[in-house]
C-alpha cells in the first residue's frame, strides 16, 4: 500500500466508483436515522486516504459494504469487471458474508474476526476505518439517545460490545495503524461507560416508577 508520503491520484475510476456506490446504496440509511448511507462510505474513504491509500484501496473503501448489503456474489462479480481484480479481492476480504441471505449475526461476526488477521493490510485498513467511524457514531448516539440505540443492532447491547472489544483485540495484534487502533480502543471504552450509565439510569427510573 502506498505510504503517507505518496499522494493518491484519484481519477475517472474513482469518480465511477463513487457514482456506483451512490447508485447501489440509494435509499439506504444509517441505522435508526435518515442519514444517507453514502455518508458512512465517504467517511471511511476519507480515513483510508488520510492513511496513504492508493486509488484501488479508496475505491474498495467506497464499495466495502456493497457485497454484503447489496447483492452478494453477483455484486462482487460486477465490481471485478468494472474495477479490477485487486479492488474485488479487497472488497471480498472486507465482507462478512457473500450471501444475499446472511448467516446468523454471531456466527458471521466470529468468522469475520477469525479472518481479519490473515487479511491484507489494505483490507484491514478499510475494516478498521469502517469500525472506527461506526464507533464514533455509536458513542455520539449513546450520548444523545441513551440505551435505545442498541435496538438498532443485530447483536443488541451485549453482542455489540463484545464485538467491538474483540475487534480492538484483533487490530492490536495486527499491523494496522496504531493511531486508529488507539482511537477505536478509546471509543469502545467510552461505549462501555455510556452503556453502564444508561443501564443504571434505566434501573433507577424503573425503581422510581415502582415506588410511585
N, C-alpha and C. Protein backbone atom coordinates (compact mmCIF):
# COMPACT_ATOMS: atom_id res chain seq x y z
N UNK A 1 0.84 -1.19 0.00
CA UNK A 1 0.00 0.00 0.00
C UNK A 1 0.88 1.24 0.00
N UNK A 2 0.42 2.27 -0.63
CA UNK A 2 1.19 3.49 -0.68
C UNK A 2 1.40 4.06 0.71
N UNK A 3 2.57 4.62 0.94
CA UNK A 3 2.84 5.24 2.22
C UNK A 3 2.23 6.62 2.30
N UNK A 4 2.32 7.21 3.49
CA UNK A 4 1.75 8.54 3.67
C UNK A 4 2.41 9.57 2.76
N UNK A 5 3.64 9.34 2.36
CA UNK A 5 4.35 10.32 1.55
C UNK A 5 3.91 10.30 0.09
N UNK A 6 3.19 9.25 -0.29
CA UNK A 6 2.74 9.13 -1.68
C UNK A 6 1.31 9.60 -1.80
N UNK A 7 1.12 10.71 -2.49
CA UNK A 7 -0.23 11.23 -2.66
C UNK A 7 -1.00 10.36 -3.63
N UNK A 8 -2.24 10.04 -3.27
CA UNK A 8 -3.10 9.28 -4.16
C UNK A 8 -3.63 10.19 -5.25
N UNK A 9 -3.64 9.67 -6.45
CA UNK A 9 -4.25 10.39 -7.56
C UNK A 9 -5.59 9.73 -7.86
N UNK A 10 -6.65 10.47 -7.66
CA UNK A 10 -7.98 9.93 -7.87
C UNK A 10 -8.50 10.42 -9.21
N UNK A 11 -8.70 9.47 -10.11
CA UNK A 11 -9.11 9.82 -11.46
C UNK A 11 -10.51 9.34 -11.79
N UNK A 12 -10.77 9.12 -13.07
CA UNK A 12 -12.11 8.71 -13.52
C UNK A 12 -12.61 7.41 -12.89
N UNK A 13 -11.71 6.47 -12.58
CA UNK A 13 -12.16 5.22 -11.95
C UNK A 13 -12.77 5.50 -10.58
N UNK A 14 -12.15 6.39 -9.82
CA UNK A 14 -12.69 6.74 -8.52
C UNK A 14 -14.04 7.43 -8.67
N UNK A 15 -14.14 8.32 -9.63
CA UNK A 15 -15.41 9.00 -9.87
C UNK A 15 -16.51 8.00 -10.25
N UNK A 16 -16.15 7.03 -11.07
CA UNK A 16 -17.11 6.00 -11.45
C UNK A 16 -17.52 5.18 -10.22
N UNK A 17 -16.55 4.85 -9.38
CA UNK A 17 -16.85 4.07 -8.17
C UNK A 17 -17.75 4.86 -7.22
N UNK A 18 -17.52 6.15 -7.11
CA UNK A 18 -18.36 6.98 -6.25
C UNK A 18 -19.80 6.97 -6.75
N UNK A 19 -19.97 7.14 -8.04
CA UNK A 19 -21.32 7.12 -8.60
C UNK A 19 -21.95 5.74 -8.43
N UNK A 20 -21.16 4.69 -8.61
CA UNK A 20 -21.66 3.33 -8.44
C UNK A 20 -22.11 3.10 -7.00
N UNK A 21 -21.32 3.58 -6.04
CA UNK A 21 -21.68 3.44 -4.63
C UNK A 21 -22.97 4.20 -4.31
N UNK A 22 -23.09 5.41 -4.84
CA UNK A 22 -24.31 6.19 -4.64
C UNK A 22 -25.52 5.44 -5.19
N UNK A 23 -25.35 4.86 -6.38
CA UNK A 23 -26.44 4.11 -7.01
C UNK A 23 -26.79 2.86 -6.22
N UNK A 24 -25.78 2.09 -5.84
CA UNK A 24 -26.01 0.85 -5.10
C UNK A 24 -26.73 1.08 -3.78
N UNK A 25 -26.35 2.13 -3.09
CA UNK A 25 -26.86 2.37 -1.73
C UNK A 25 -27.98 3.40 -1.69
N UNK A 26 -28.51 3.75 -2.85
CA UNK A 26 -29.63 4.70 -2.88
C UNK A 26 -30.80 4.13 -2.07
N UNK A 27 -31.37 4.97 -1.23
CA UNK A 27 -32.49 4.52 -0.40
C UNK A 27 -32.06 3.82 0.88
N UNK A 28 -30.76 3.66 1.10
CA UNK A 28 -30.25 3.03 2.32
C UNK A 28 -29.78 4.13 3.27
N UNK A 29 -30.06 3.95 4.56
CA UNK A 29 -29.74 4.96 5.55
C UNK A 29 -28.95 4.34 6.70
N UNK A 30 -28.24 5.18 7.42
CA UNK A 30 -27.56 4.73 8.63
C UNK A 30 -28.60 4.21 9.61
N UNK A 31 -28.25 3.15 10.35
CA UNK A 31 -29.20 2.50 11.26
C UNK A 31 -29.91 3.51 12.17
N UNK A 32 -31.23 3.47 12.15
CA UNK A 32 -32.03 4.29 13.05
C UNK A 32 -32.06 5.76 12.73
N UNK A 33 -31.61 6.14 11.52
CA UNK A 33 -31.56 7.56 11.15
C UNK A 33 -32.09 7.74 9.73
N UNK A 34 -32.15 9.00 9.32
CA UNK A 34 -32.44 9.32 7.92
C UNK A 34 -31.20 9.89 7.24
N UNK A 35 -30.04 9.53 7.75
CA UNK A 35 -28.78 9.96 7.15
C UNK A 35 -28.44 9.00 6.01
N UNK A 36 -28.28 9.51 4.78
CA UNK A 36 -27.96 8.62 3.66
C UNK A 36 -26.71 7.80 3.94
N UNK A 37 -26.75 6.53 3.58
CA UNK A 37 -25.66 5.61 3.90
C UNK A 37 -24.34 6.02 3.24
N UNK A 38 -24.43 6.74 2.14
CA UNK A 38 -23.22 7.16 1.44
C UNK A 38 -22.33 8.00 2.36
N UNK A 39 -22.92 8.66 3.37
CA UNK A 39 -22.11 9.47 4.29
C UNK A 39 -21.08 8.60 5.01
N UNK A 40 -21.48 7.39 5.38
CA UNK A 40 -20.55 6.46 6.04
C UNK A 40 -19.44 6.03 5.08
N UNK A 41 -19.80 5.71 3.85
CA UNK A 41 -18.81 5.26 2.87
C UNK A 41 -17.80 6.36 2.58
N UNK A 42 -18.26 7.60 2.51
CA UNK A 42 -17.35 8.73 2.28
C UNK A 42 -16.43 8.93 3.49
N UNK A 43 -16.97 8.77 4.69
CA UNK A 43 -16.15 8.93 5.89
C UNK A 43 -15.05 7.88 5.95
N UNK A 44 -15.40 6.63 5.66
CA UNK A 44 -14.41 5.55 5.66
C UNK A 44 -13.35 5.80 4.60
N UNK A 45 -13.78 6.23 3.43
CA UNK A 45 -12.83 6.52 2.34
C UNK A 45 -11.89 7.65 2.73
N UNK A 46 -12.42 8.66 3.41
CA UNK A 46 -11.58 9.75 3.87
C UNK A 46 -10.50 9.28 4.83
N UNK A 47 -10.86 8.39 5.75
CA UNK A 47 -9.87 7.88 6.71
C UNK A 47 -8.77 7.10 6.01
N UNK A 48 -9.14 6.23 5.07
CA UNK A 48 -8.10 5.43 4.41
C UNK A 48 -7.19 6.31 3.55
N UNK A 49 -7.76 7.33 2.92
CA UNK A 49 -6.92 8.25 2.13
C UNK A 49 -5.95 9.00 3.03
N UNK A 50 -6.40 9.37 4.22
CA UNK A 50 -5.52 10.05 5.18
C UNK A 50 -4.39 9.15 5.66
N UNK A 51 -4.55 7.84 5.45
CA UNK A 51 -3.52 6.88 5.88
C UNK A 51 -2.84 6.20 4.69
N UNK A 52 -2.74 6.95 3.59
CA UNK A 52 -1.87 6.53 2.49
C UNK A 52 -2.48 5.65 1.44
N UNK A 53 -3.80 5.49 1.42
CA UNK A 53 -4.43 4.60 0.44
C UNK A 53 -4.22 5.09 -0.98
N UNK A 54 -4.02 4.13 -1.90
CA UNK A 54 -3.98 4.48 -3.32
C UNK A 54 -5.40 4.41 -3.88
N UNK A 55 -5.52 4.63 -5.19
CA UNK A 55 -6.86 4.72 -5.78
C UNK A 55 -7.64 3.41 -5.65
N UNK A 56 -6.99 2.28 -5.86
CA UNK A 56 -7.68 0.99 -5.72
C UNK A 56 -8.26 0.82 -4.32
N UNK A 57 -7.48 1.16 -3.32
CA UNK A 57 -7.93 1.00 -1.93
C UNK A 57 -9.05 1.99 -1.62
N UNK A 58 -8.94 3.20 -2.15
CA UNK A 58 -10.02 4.18 -1.96
C UNK A 58 -11.31 3.70 -2.61
N UNK A 59 -11.21 3.10 -3.79
CA UNK A 59 -12.40 2.55 -4.46
C UNK A 59 -12.98 1.41 -3.63
N UNK A 60 -12.12 0.54 -3.13
CA UNK A 60 -12.60 -0.57 -2.29
C UNK A 60 -13.28 -0.04 -1.03
N UNK A 61 -12.78 1.05 -0.48
CA UNK A 61 -13.41 1.65 0.70
C UNK A 61 -14.82 2.13 0.37
N UNK A 62 -14.97 2.77 -0.77
CA UNK A 62 -16.30 3.21 -1.20
C UNK A 62 -17.27 2.03 -1.33
N UNK A 63 -16.73 0.88 -1.72
CA UNK A 63 -17.57 -0.28 -2.04
C UNK A 63 -17.51 -1.37 -0.98
N UNK A 64 -16.97 -1.05 0.19
CA UNK A 64 -16.68 -2.12 1.16
C UNK A 64 -17.94 -2.82 1.69
N UNK A 65 -19.09 -2.16 1.64
CA UNK A 65 -20.34 -2.79 2.10
C UNK A 65 -21.22 -3.26 0.96
N UNK A 66 -20.77 -3.07 -0.27
CA UNK A 66 -21.63 -3.35 -1.42
C UNK A 66 -22.02 -4.82 -1.51
N UNK A 67 -21.07 -5.71 -1.25
CA UNK A 67 -21.32 -7.14 -1.43
C UNK A 67 -22.26 -7.66 -0.35
N UNK A 68 -21.96 -7.35 0.92
CA UNK A 68 -22.78 -7.92 1.99
C UNK A 68 -24.15 -7.26 2.11
N UNK A 69 -24.28 -6.02 1.61
CA UNK A 69 -25.56 -5.31 1.73
C UNK A 69 -26.34 -5.20 0.43
N UNK A 70 -25.67 -5.37 -0.69
CA UNK A 70 -26.30 -5.04 -1.97
C UNK A 70 -25.99 -6.07 -3.06
N UNK A 71 -26.35 -7.33 -2.81
CA UNK A 71 -26.33 -8.27 -3.92
C UNK A 71 -25.39 -9.44 -3.85
N UNK A 72 -24.56 -9.52 -2.82
CA UNK A 72 -23.73 -10.69 -2.63
C UNK A 72 -22.74 -10.95 -3.76
N UNK A 73 -22.63 -12.21 -4.14
CA UNK A 73 -21.61 -12.63 -5.11
C UNK A 73 -21.79 -11.96 -6.47
N UNK A 74 -23.02 -11.72 -6.87
CA UNK A 74 -23.24 -11.07 -8.16
C UNK A 74 -22.68 -9.65 -8.16
N UNK A 75 -22.86 -8.94 -7.07
CA UNK A 75 -22.27 -7.60 -6.96
C UNK A 75 -20.75 -7.68 -6.98
N UNK A 76 -20.18 -8.69 -6.33
CA UNK A 76 -18.73 -8.86 -6.35
C UNK A 76 -18.23 -9.09 -7.77
N UNK A 77 -18.95 -9.88 -8.54
CA UNK A 77 -18.55 -10.11 -9.95
C UNK A 77 -18.59 -8.80 -10.74
N UNK A 78 -19.60 -8.00 -10.49
CA UNK A 78 -19.69 -6.71 -11.19
C UNK A 78 -18.55 -5.78 -10.80
N UNK A 79 -18.20 -5.77 -9.53
CA UNK A 79 -17.07 -4.95 -9.08
C UNK A 79 -15.79 -5.41 -9.76
N UNK A 80 -15.59 -6.72 -9.87
CA UNK A 80 -14.39 -7.24 -10.53
C UNK A 80 -14.33 -6.78 -11.99
N UNK A 81 -15.46 -6.86 -12.66
CA UNK A 81 -15.49 -6.45 -14.08
C UNK A 81 -15.23 -4.95 -14.24
N UNK A 82 -15.79 -4.14 -13.37
CA UNK A 82 -15.71 -2.69 -13.53
C UNK A 82 -14.42 -2.09 -12.99
N UNK A 83 -13.91 -2.67 -11.90
CA UNK A 83 -12.79 -2.01 -11.21
C UNK A 83 -11.55 -2.88 -11.05
N UNK A 84 -11.62 -4.13 -11.48
CA UNK A 84 -10.44 -4.97 -11.49
C UNK A 84 -10.36 -5.94 -10.33
N UNK A 85 -9.43 -6.89 -10.48
CA UNK A 85 -9.30 -7.98 -9.52
C UNK A 85 -8.86 -7.49 -8.15
N UNK A 86 -7.91 -6.56 -8.10
CA UNK A 86 -7.40 -6.12 -6.80
C UNK A 86 -8.50 -5.48 -5.96
N UNK A 87 -9.27 -4.59 -6.57
CA UNK A 87 -10.38 -3.96 -5.84
C UNK A 87 -11.36 -5.02 -5.35
N UNK A 88 -11.70 -5.96 -6.23
CA UNK A 88 -12.67 -7.01 -5.86
C UNK A 88 -12.16 -7.86 -4.70
N UNK A 89 -10.87 -8.19 -4.73
CA UNK A 89 -10.31 -9.01 -3.65
C UNK A 89 -10.35 -8.28 -2.31
N UNK A 90 -10.06 -6.98 -2.33
CA UNK A 90 -10.10 -6.21 -1.09
C UNK A 90 -11.53 -6.13 -0.57
N UNK A 91 -12.48 -5.85 -1.46
CA UNK A 91 -13.89 -5.78 -1.05
C UNK A 91 -14.34 -7.12 -0.47
N UNK A 92 -13.94 -8.21 -1.11
CA UNK A 92 -14.33 -9.53 -0.61
C UNK A 92 -13.80 -9.75 0.81
N UNK A 93 -12.56 -9.34 1.06
CA UNK A 93 -11.99 -9.51 2.40
C UNK A 93 -12.67 -8.63 3.44
N UNK A 94 -13.29 -7.55 2.99
CA UNK A 94 -13.99 -6.64 3.91
C UNK A 94 -15.41 -7.10 4.21
N UNK A 95 -15.89 -8.11 3.51
CA UNK A 95 -17.29 -8.54 3.63
C UNK A 95 -17.42 -9.67 4.64
N UNK A 96 -18.43 -9.58 5.51
CA UNK A 96 -18.61 -10.68 6.47
C UNK A 96 -19.50 -11.79 5.93
N UNK A 97 -20.05 -11.60 4.75
CA UNK A 97 -20.75 -12.67 4.04
C UNK A 97 -20.82 -12.32 2.56
N UNK A 98 -20.83 -13.35 1.72
CA UNK A 98 -21.01 -13.16 0.28
C UNK A 98 -22.41 -13.59 -0.14
N UNK A 99 -23.21 -13.98 0.83
CA UNK A 99 -24.55 -14.49 0.54
C UNK A 99 -25.60 -13.41 0.74
N UNK A 100 -26.59 -13.41 -0.15
CA UNK A 100 -27.69 -12.46 -0.01
C UNK A 100 -28.46 -12.75 1.28
N UNK A 101 -28.70 -14.03 1.55
CA UNK A 101 -29.33 -14.42 2.81
C UNK A 101 -28.22 -14.61 3.84
N UNK A 102 -28.13 -13.70 4.79
CA UNK A 102 -27.00 -13.69 5.72
C UNK A 102 -27.13 -14.78 6.78
N UNK A 103 -26.00 -15.39 7.16
CA UNK A 103 -26.00 -16.32 8.30
C UNK A 103 -26.34 -15.57 9.59
N UNK A 104 -26.58 -16.30 10.69
CA UNK A 104 -26.86 -15.65 11.97
C UNK A 104 -25.77 -14.66 12.37
N UNK A 105 -26.18 -13.60 13.05
CA UNK A 105 -25.29 -12.48 13.36
C UNK A 105 -24.02 -12.95 14.06
N UNK A 106 -24.13 -13.68 15.15
CA UNK A 106 -22.95 -14.05 15.95
C UNK A 106 -21.98 -14.89 15.12
N UNK A 107 -22.51 -15.82 14.35
CA UNK A 107 -21.64 -16.67 13.53
C UNK A 107 -20.88 -15.83 12.51
N UNK A 108 -21.55 -14.88 11.88
CA UNK A 108 -20.89 -14.02 10.90
C UNK A 108 -19.76 -13.23 11.53
N UNK A 109 -20.03 -12.67 12.70
CA UNK A 109 -19.02 -11.83 13.34
C UNK A 109 -17.83 -12.66 13.82
N UNK A 110 -18.08 -13.85 14.32
CA UNK A 110 -16.97 -14.72 14.75
C UNK A 110 -16.09 -15.09 13.56
N UNK A 111 -16.72 -15.41 12.43
CA UNK A 111 -15.95 -15.75 11.23
C UNK A 111 -15.15 -14.55 10.73
N UNK A 112 -15.76 -13.38 10.78
CA UNK A 112 -15.08 -12.15 10.33
C UNK A 112 -13.86 -11.87 11.20
N UNK A 113 -14.02 -11.98 12.50
CA UNK A 113 -12.89 -11.76 13.41
C UNK A 113 -11.76 -12.74 13.13
N UNK A 114 -12.12 -13.98 12.84
CA UNK A 114 -11.12 -15.02 12.62
C UNK A 114 -10.27 -14.75 11.38
N UNK A 115 -10.86 -14.14 10.36
CA UNK A 115 -10.10 -13.94 9.13
C UNK A 115 -9.40 -12.59 9.06
N UNK A 116 -9.68 -11.68 10.01
CA UNK A 116 -9.09 -10.35 9.94
C UNK A 116 -7.57 -10.37 10.01
N UNK A 117 -7.01 -11.22 10.86
CA UNK A 117 -5.55 -11.24 10.99
C UNK A 117 -4.87 -11.71 9.72
N UNK A 118 -5.56 -12.55 8.94
CA UNK A 118 -4.99 -13.06 7.69
C UNK A 118 -5.31 -12.17 6.50
N UNK A 119 -6.12 -11.14 6.71
CA UNK A 119 -6.50 -10.25 5.61
C UNK A 119 -5.30 -9.40 5.19
N UNK A 120 -5.40 -8.83 4.01
CA UNK A 120 -4.34 -7.94 3.52
C UNK A 120 -4.31 -6.66 4.35
N UNK A 121 -3.18 -5.97 4.31
CA UNK A 121 -3.07 -4.69 5.00
C UNK A 121 -4.14 -3.72 4.51
N UNK A 122 -4.41 -3.75 3.20
CA UNK A 122 -5.38 -2.84 2.62
C UNK A 122 -6.78 -3.10 3.16
N UNK A 123 -7.16 -4.38 3.18
CA UNK A 123 -8.49 -4.73 3.69
C UNK A 123 -8.60 -4.41 5.18
N UNK A 124 -7.52 -4.66 5.91
CA UNK A 124 -7.55 -4.39 7.35
C UNK A 124 -7.67 -2.90 7.62
N UNK A 125 -7.01 -2.07 6.82
CA UNK A 125 -7.13 -0.62 6.98
C UNK A 125 -8.57 -0.18 6.75
N UNK A 126 -9.20 -0.71 5.72
CA UNK A 126 -10.60 -0.35 5.45
C UNK A 126 -11.49 -0.83 6.58
N UNK A 127 -11.29 -2.06 7.02
CA UNK A 127 -12.10 -2.60 8.11
C UNK A 127 -11.96 -1.75 9.37
N UNK A 128 -10.74 -1.41 9.72
CA UNK A 128 -10.51 -0.59 10.91
C UNK A 128 -11.16 0.78 10.76
N UNK A 129 -11.04 1.38 9.59
CA UNK A 129 -11.65 2.69 9.34
C UNK A 129 -13.17 2.61 9.43
N UNK A 130 -13.72 1.52 8.91
CA UNK A 130 -15.16 1.26 8.98
C UNK A 130 -15.62 1.16 10.43
N UNK A 131 -14.94 0.33 11.21
CA UNK A 131 -15.35 0.14 12.60
C UNK A 131 -15.13 1.41 13.42
N UNK A 132 -14.09 2.14 13.09
CA UNK A 132 -13.82 3.39 13.80
C UNK A 132 -14.94 4.39 13.57
N UNK A 133 -15.35 4.56 12.32
CA UNK A 133 -16.43 5.50 12.05
C UNK A 133 -17.73 5.04 12.70
N UNK A 134 -18.01 3.75 12.64
CA UNK A 134 -19.20 3.22 13.31
C UNK A 134 -19.15 3.50 14.81
N UNK A 135 -17.98 3.28 15.42
CA UNK A 135 -17.85 3.50 16.86
C UNK A 135 -18.05 4.97 17.22
N UNK A 136 -17.53 5.87 16.39
CA UNK A 136 -17.76 7.30 16.63
C UNK A 136 -19.25 7.60 16.66
N UNK A 137 -19.99 7.03 15.71
CA UNK A 137 -21.42 7.29 15.62
C UNK A 137 -22.18 6.65 16.79
N UNK A 138 -21.77 5.46 17.20
CA UNK A 138 -22.44 4.81 18.33
C UNK A 138 -22.28 5.65 19.60
N UNK A 139 -21.06 6.11 19.86
CA UNK A 139 -20.82 6.93 21.04
C UNK A 139 -21.63 8.22 20.97
N UNK A 140 -21.63 8.85 19.82
CA UNK A 140 -22.40 10.08 19.64
C UNK A 140 -23.88 9.83 19.91
N UNK A 141 -24.42 8.74 19.37
CA UNK A 141 -25.84 8.44 19.53
C UNK A 141 -26.18 8.00 20.95
N UNK A 142 -25.26 7.30 21.62
CA UNK A 142 -25.49 6.94 23.02
C UNK A 142 -25.60 8.18 23.89
N UNK A 143 -24.79 9.18 23.60
CA UNK A 143 -24.86 10.42 24.37
C UNK A 143 -26.20 11.13 24.16
N UNK A 144 -26.70 11.05 22.93
CA UNK A 144 -27.94 11.76 22.60
C UNK A 144 -29.19 10.98 23.01
N UNK A 145 -29.15 9.66 22.79
CA UNK A 145 -30.38 8.88 22.87
C UNK A 145 -30.40 7.82 23.95
N UNK A 146 -29.25 7.51 24.52
CA UNK A 146 -29.23 6.50 25.57
C UNK A 146 -29.38 5.09 25.04
N UNK A 147 -29.90 4.21 25.88
CA UNK A 147 -29.87 2.77 25.61
C UNK A 147 -30.71 2.33 24.42
N UNK A 148 -31.65 3.14 23.96
CA UNK A 148 -32.45 2.70 22.81
C UNK A 148 -31.62 2.53 21.54
N UNK A 149 -30.42 3.10 21.54
CA UNK A 149 -29.52 2.93 20.39
C UNK A 149 -29.26 1.46 20.12
N UNK A 150 -29.17 0.64 21.17
CA UNK A 150 -28.81 -0.77 20.99
C UNK A 150 -29.85 -1.55 20.20
N UNK A 151 -31.07 -1.05 20.15
CA UNK A 151 -32.12 -1.76 19.41
C UNK A 151 -31.83 -1.82 17.92
N UNK A 152 -30.96 -0.95 17.45
CA UNK A 152 -30.65 -0.91 16.01
C UNK A 152 -29.76 -2.07 15.57
N UNK A 153 -29.11 -2.71 16.51
CA UNK A 153 -28.04 -3.64 16.17
C UNK A 153 -28.47 -5.09 16.36
N UNK A 154 -28.07 -5.93 15.41
CA UNK A 154 -28.44 -7.34 15.45
C UNK A 154 -27.96 -8.04 16.70
N UNK A 155 -26.85 -7.60 17.27
CA UNK A 155 -26.31 -8.23 18.47
C UNK A 155 -26.81 -7.61 19.76
N UNK A 156 -27.64 -6.56 19.65
CA UNK A 156 -28.08 -5.87 20.85
C UNK A 156 -26.91 -5.25 21.60
N UNK A 157 -27.15 -4.85 22.83
CA UNK A 157 -26.10 -4.20 23.61
C UNK A 157 -24.94 -5.14 23.90
N UNK A 158 -25.23 -6.30 24.47
CA UNK A 158 -24.16 -7.22 24.88
C UNK A 158 -23.35 -7.71 23.68
N UNK A 159 -24.04 -8.08 22.61
CA UNK A 159 -23.35 -8.58 21.43
C UNK A 159 -22.50 -7.52 20.76
N UNK A 160 -23.02 -6.30 20.68
CA UNK A 160 -22.27 -5.22 20.04
C UNK A 160 -21.03 -4.87 20.84
N UNK A 161 -21.16 -4.80 22.16
CA UNK A 161 -19.99 -4.50 22.99
C UNK A 161 -18.95 -5.62 22.90
N UNK A 162 -19.41 -6.86 22.91
CA UNK A 162 -18.48 -7.99 22.73
C UNK A 162 -17.74 -7.87 21.40
N UNK A 163 -18.47 -7.56 20.33
CA UNK A 163 -17.87 -7.50 19.00
C UNK A 163 -16.81 -6.41 18.93
N UNK A 164 -17.11 -5.24 19.46
CA UNK A 164 -16.14 -4.15 19.37
C UNK A 164 -14.93 -4.39 20.27
N UNK A 165 -15.13 -5.01 21.43
CA UNK A 165 -13.96 -5.40 22.24
C UNK A 165 -13.08 -6.38 21.47
N UNK A 166 -13.71 -7.33 20.82
CA UNK A 166 -12.96 -8.34 20.06
C UNK A 166 -12.22 -7.71 18.89
N UNK A 167 -12.85 -6.75 18.24
CA UNK A 167 -12.19 -6.05 17.14
C UNK A 167 -10.93 -5.34 17.62
N UNK A 168 -11.01 -4.66 18.75
CA UNK A 168 -9.84 -3.98 19.29
C UNK A 168 -8.72 -4.99 19.55
N UNK A 169 -9.06 -6.13 20.13
CA UNK A 169 -8.05 -7.17 20.39
C UNK A 169 -7.37 -7.63 19.10
N UNK A 170 -8.17 -7.85 18.07
CA UNK A 170 -7.61 -8.32 16.79
C UNK A 170 -6.74 -7.25 16.16
N UNK A 171 -7.21 -6.02 16.12
CA UNK A 171 -6.43 -4.96 15.48
C UNK A 171 -5.13 -4.69 16.23
N UNK A 172 -5.15 -4.84 17.54
CA UNK A 172 -3.91 -4.64 18.31
C UNK A 172 -2.86 -5.69 17.96
N UNK A 173 -3.30 -6.86 17.55
CA UNK A 173 -2.36 -7.94 17.20
C UNK A 173 -1.92 -7.86 15.74
N UNK A 174 -2.38 -6.86 15.02
CA UNK A 174 -2.09 -6.76 13.59
C UNK A 174 -1.14 -5.59 13.33
N UNK A 175 -0.89 -5.36 12.05
CA UNK A 175 -0.05 -4.23 11.64
C UNK A 175 -0.88 -3.00 11.31
N UNK A 176 -2.11 -2.94 11.78
CA UNK A 176 -2.98 -1.80 11.50
C UNK A 176 -2.41 -0.52 12.11
N UNK A 177 -2.71 0.65 11.53
CA UNK A 177 -2.17 1.91 12.05
C UNK A 177 -2.49 2.11 13.53
N UNK A 178 -1.46 2.36 14.30
CA UNK A 178 -1.61 2.41 15.76
C UNK A 178 -2.53 3.54 16.20
N UNK A 179 -2.48 4.68 15.51
CA UNK A 179 -3.31 5.81 15.93
C UNK A 179 -4.80 5.48 15.80
N UNK A 180 -5.16 4.76 14.74
CA UNK A 180 -6.55 4.37 14.55
C UNK A 180 -6.98 3.32 15.58
N UNK A 181 -6.09 2.37 15.85
CA UNK A 181 -6.40 1.34 16.85
C UNK A 181 -6.61 1.98 18.22
N UNK A 182 -5.75 2.93 18.57
CA UNK A 182 -5.87 3.60 19.86
C UNK A 182 -7.18 4.38 19.97
N UNK A 183 -7.55 5.05 18.89
CA UNK A 183 -8.82 5.79 18.92
C UNK A 183 -10.00 4.83 19.06
N UNK A 184 -9.95 3.71 18.32
CA UNK A 184 -11.03 2.73 18.43
C UNK A 184 -11.12 2.20 19.86
N UNK A 185 -9.98 1.90 20.47
CA UNK A 185 -9.98 1.39 21.85
C UNK A 185 -10.60 2.41 22.81
N UNK A 186 -10.27 3.69 22.64
CA UNK A 186 -10.86 4.73 23.50
C UNK A 186 -12.37 4.80 23.31
N UNK A 187 -12.81 4.71 22.08
CA UNK A 187 -14.25 4.79 21.80
C UNK A 187 -14.99 3.58 22.37
N UNK A 188 -14.39 2.41 22.27
CA UNK A 188 -15.04 1.21 22.81
C UNK A 188 -15.12 1.31 24.34
N UNK A 189 -14.08 1.82 24.96
CA UNK A 189 -14.13 2.05 26.41
C UNK A 189 -15.25 3.03 26.75
N UNK A 190 -15.39 4.06 25.93
CA UNK A 190 -16.46 5.04 26.15
C UNK A 190 -17.83 4.41 25.97
N UNK A 191 -17.96 3.53 24.99
CA UNK A 191 -19.22 2.81 24.78
C UNK A 191 -19.63 2.07 26.05
N UNK A 192 -18.65 1.37 26.64
CA UNK A 192 -18.94 0.60 27.86
C UNK A 192 -19.37 1.52 28.99
N UNK A 193 -18.69 2.65 29.13
CA UNK A 193 -19.06 3.61 30.18
C UNK A 193 -20.47 4.12 29.98
N UNK A 194 -20.79 4.52 28.76
CA UNK A 194 -22.12 5.06 28.46
C UNK A 194 -23.19 3.99 28.60
N UNK A 195 -22.86 2.76 28.20
CA UNK A 195 -23.83 1.67 28.34
C UNK A 195 -24.14 1.42 29.81
N UNK A 196 -23.11 1.42 30.65
CA UNK A 196 -23.33 1.22 32.08
C UNK A 196 -24.14 2.34 32.69
N UNK A 197 -23.87 3.57 32.26
CA UNK A 197 -24.61 4.72 32.78
C UNK A 197 -26.08 4.64 32.37
N UNK A 198 -26.31 4.28 31.10
CA UNK A 198 -27.69 4.17 30.62
C UNK A 198 -28.44 3.08 31.37
N UNK A 199 -27.75 1.95 31.61
CA UNK A 199 -28.39 0.84 32.32
C UNK A 199 -28.74 1.26 33.75
N UNK A 200 -27.83 1.99 34.38
CA UNK A 200 -28.07 2.45 35.75
C UNK A 200 -29.26 3.41 35.79
N UNK A 201 -29.31 4.34 34.83
CA UNK A 201 -30.42 5.29 34.79
C UNK A 201 -31.74 4.59 34.53
N UNK A 202 -31.71 3.58 33.65
CA UNK A 202 -32.93 2.84 33.34
C UNK A 202 -33.44 2.10 34.58
N UNK A 203 -32.53 1.46 35.31
CA UNK A 203 -32.93 0.73 36.52
C UNK A 203 -33.44 1.69 37.58
N UNK A 204 -32.79 2.85 37.70
CA UNK A 204 -33.23 3.84 38.67
C UNK A 204 -34.63 4.34 38.33
N UNK A 205 -34.87 4.55 37.04
CA UNK A 205 -36.19 5.02 36.59
C UNK A 205 -37.25 3.97 36.90
N UNK A 206 -36.93 2.71 36.62
CA UNK A 206 -37.88 1.63 36.89
C UNK A 206 -38.16 1.52 38.38
N UNK A 207 -37.10 1.68 39.18
CA UNK A 207 -37.29 1.62 40.62
C UNK A 207 -38.17 2.75 41.12
N UNK A 208 -37.95 3.95 40.53
CA UNK A 208 -38.77 5.09 40.89
C UNK A 208 -40.22 4.90 40.51
N UNK A 209 -40.44 4.27 39.37
CA UNK A 209 -41.81 4.04 38.92
C UNK A 209 -42.53 3.09 39.86
N UNK A 210 -41.80 2.06 40.32
CA UNK A 210 -42.43 1.10 41.23
C UNK A 210 -42.75 1.78 42.57
N UNK A 211 -41.84 2.66 42.99
CA UNK A 211 -42.06 3.33 44.27
C UNK A 211 -43.30 4.22 44.21
N UNK A 212 -43.56 4.79 43.03
CA UNK A 212 -44.74 5.63 42.89
C UNK A 212 -46.00 4.79 43.08
